[in-house]
Structures are given as C-alpha cells and as structure tokens.
Amino acid sequence: MLAVETKQMLPLAEEATRLIKALAHPERLMICCQLRNGELSVGQIEEALDIPQPRLSRELSKLRADEILGTRRESKAIIYHLRDDRIGAIIDTLCQVMLGKDVRRKPKRGPKKSVKRS
C-alpha cells in the first residue's frame, strides 16, 4: 500500500519542488508576497519593492515560466497575479512563520554590570 501512495505523491513532490525552487530567491519571494493580496502592475511592484526594472522583468519572467504568476493586460499595463491559491497559502505560511519568529525573538543582552554604590 505504501508503494501506491508513493507513486501518487511523486508528481505532487515534483510540483512542490519546482515551486520551492522558484521561490528560493529573495526578490521572487518578495514579488509573490506583494501579490498575495491581489493583482499589481509592474510599476506598482517596482515601486513597492524598489527593484530596478530590468531585474524585476527578469524575475517576473522566471515566475511566469514556472507557472507561478499569471498576467492580464489592462490598456498598456500588464497586471500580475498569483496563478494558484495554493501558492498564496504557501506564501502566507512562510510570512506567518518568519514574522512569528521575529516577533518572539528577544534581544540578546550582555552580561549584567554590577553597579558600585558609594
């Protein structure tokens, strides 16, 4: 029975691996974080993330090629969106885990200094 489950899981594991590889880049991950709440134009993404336009175009192209982002045209603007709700759920989970980690982290303190009293 385990072999059947493994055979059924292989395509899903391959898809998850492709997705994780595509998101394993800081700028691509940040682009997806920006898009998790809805569609944005290239200009809006560029403004929000302060990524130079040529580099932003390269990363958007990679995300499109990996079928993570979809587009639609609105007049002259290209509008980007996450293609799949599962991608949004993964991005949300990453954000929750990482932000939770930062929130719970306590600042490091040095050794206590003794105060001499006169």
Protein backbone atom coordinates (compact mmCIF):
# COMPACT_ATOMS: atom_id res chain seq x y z
CA MET A 1 0.00 0.00 0.00
CA LEU A 2 2.88 2.37 0.73
CA ALA A 3 4.19 1.98 -2.86
CA VAL A 4 0.85 3.13 -4.29
CA GLU A 5 0.86 6.21 -2.07
CA THR A 6 4.46 6.96 -3.08
CA LYS A 7 3.60 6.71 -6.78
CA GLN A 8 0.66 9.06 -6.29
CA MET A 9 2.80 11.50 -4.32
CA LEU A 10 5.68 11.71 -6.80
CA PRO A 11 4.01 14.20 -9.20
CA LEU A 12 2.98 16.35 -6.23
CA ALA A 13 6.50 16.24 -4.81
CA GLU A 14 7.89 17.26 -8.19
CA GLU A 15 5.45 20.16 -8.40
CA ALA A 16 6.27 21.27 -4.85
CA THR A 17 9.99 21.09 -5.61
CA ARG A 18 9.55 23.27 -8.70
CA LEU A 19 7.60 25.79 -6.67
CA ILE A 20 10.12 25.87 -3.82
CA LYS A 21 13.00 26.33 -6.27
CA ALA A 22 11.22 29.23 -7.92
CA LEU A 23 10.54 30.90 -4.56
CA ALA A 24 14.09 30.28 -3.30
CA HIS A 25 15.21 33.74 -4.38
CA PRO A 26 14.67 36.83 -2.23
CA GLU A 27 13.28 39.07 -4.98
CA ARG A 28 10.95 36.41 -6.39
CA LEU A 29 9.68 35.66 -2.90
CA MET A 30 9.10 39.35 -2.21
CA ILE A 31 7.22 39.72 -5.51
CA CYS A 32 4.92 36.86 -4.52
CA CYS A 33 4.44 38.40 -1.06
CA GLN A 34 3.29 41.62 -2.71
CA LEU A 35 0.85 39.71 -4.93
CA ARG A 36 -0.71 37.58 -2.22
CA ASN A 37 -3.34 40.26 -1.54
CA GLY A 38 -4.25 40.82 -5.18
CA GLU A 39 -3.14 41.97 -8.58
CA LEU A 40 -0.47 44.59 -9.20
CA SER A 41 1.04 46.23 -12.25
CA VAL A 42 4.77 46.10 -12.97
CA GLY A 43 5.03 49.74 -11.91
CA GLN A 44 3.31 49.06 -8.59
CA ILE A 45 5.60 46.10 -7.88
CA GLU A 46 8.65 48.14 -8.85
CA GLU A 47 7.59 50.99 -6.54
CA ALA A 48 6.78 48.69 -3.62
CA LEU A 49 10.00 46.70 -3.79
CA ASP A 50 12.45 49.23 -5.26
CA ILE A 51 13.85 46.62 -7.65
CA PRO A 52 15.38 48.07 -10.82
CA GLN A 53 13.08 47.47 -13.79
CA PRO A 54 15.41 45.19 -15.82
CA ARG A 55 15.97 42.89 -12.85
CA LEU A 56 12.27 42.97 -11.95
CA SER A 57 11.35 41.96 -15.50
CA ARG A 58 13.79 39.05 -15.35
CA GLU A 59 12.33 37.78 -12.06
CA LEU A 60 8.73 38.23 -13.25
CA SER A 61 9.58 36.27 -16.40
CA LYS A 62 11.05 33.45 -14.31
CA LEU A 63 7.92 33.31 -12.13
CA ARG A 64 5.73 33.25 -15.24
CA ALA A 65 7.81 30.49 -16.84
CA ASP A 66 7.47 28.46 -13.63
CA GLU A 67 3.69 28.99 -13.83
CA ILE A 68 3.56 30.81 -10.52
CA LEU A 69 2.34 34.12 -11.91
CA GLY A 70 -0.31 34.89 -14.45
CA THR A 71 -0.91 38.12 -16.30
CA ARG A 72 -3.62 40.11 -17.93
CA ARG A 73 -3.45 43.28 -19.97
CA GLU A 74 -5.25 46.41 -18.87
CA SER A 75 -4.80 49.03 -21.58
CA LYS A 76 -0.99 49.33 -21.84
CA ALA A 77 -0.28 47.91 -18.38
CA ILE A 78 0.46 44.27 -17.63
CA ILE A 79 -1.17 43.17 -14.41
CA TYR A 80 0.33 40.25 -12.46
CA HIS A 81 -1.37 37.83 -10.08
CA LEU A 82 -0.64 34.53 -8.36
CA ARG A 83 -1.97 31.75 -10.58
CA ASP A 84 -2.98 29.36 -7.84
CA ASP A 85 -4.50 29.79 -4.37
CA ARG A 86 -2.07 27.15 -3.09
CA ILE A 87 0.82 29.48 -3.87
CA GLY A 88 -0.83 32.21 -1.84
CA ALA A 89 -1.30 29.76 1.04
CA ILE A 90 2.38 28.82 0.91
CA ILE A 91 3.43 32.48 0.88
CA ASP A 92 1.06 33.23 3.77
CA THR A 93 2.51 30.32 5.76
CA LEU A 94 6.09 31.50 5.12
CA CYS A 95 5.17 35.01 6.23
CA GLN A 96 3.44 33.76 9.39
CA VAL A 97 6.35 31.52 10.32
CA MET A 98 9.01 34.13 9.66
CA LEU A 99 7.12 37.03 11.24
CA GLY A 100 6.23 34.88 14.23
CA LYS A 101 9.89 34.02 14.62
CA ASP A 102 10.86 37.68 14.55
CA VAL A 103 8.11 38.68 16.96
CA ARG A 104 9.08 36.05 19.54
CA ARG A 105 12.81 36.73 19.31
CA LYS A 106 14.13 38.50 22.37
CA PRO A 107 17.06 40.88 22.07
CA LYS A 108 20.38 39.50 23.22
CA ARG A 109 21.61 41.02 26.42
CA GLY A 110 25.17 41.29 27.52
CA PRO A 111 26.36 40.30 30.98
CA LYS A 112 24.91 42.29 33.82
CA LYS A 113 27.20 45.03 35.06
CA SER A 114 27.49 45.48 38.74
CA VAL A 115 26.87 48.95 40.00
CA LYS A 116 29.14 50.18 42.74
CA ARG A 117 27.37 52.13 45.39
CA SER A 118 29.23 54.62 47.48
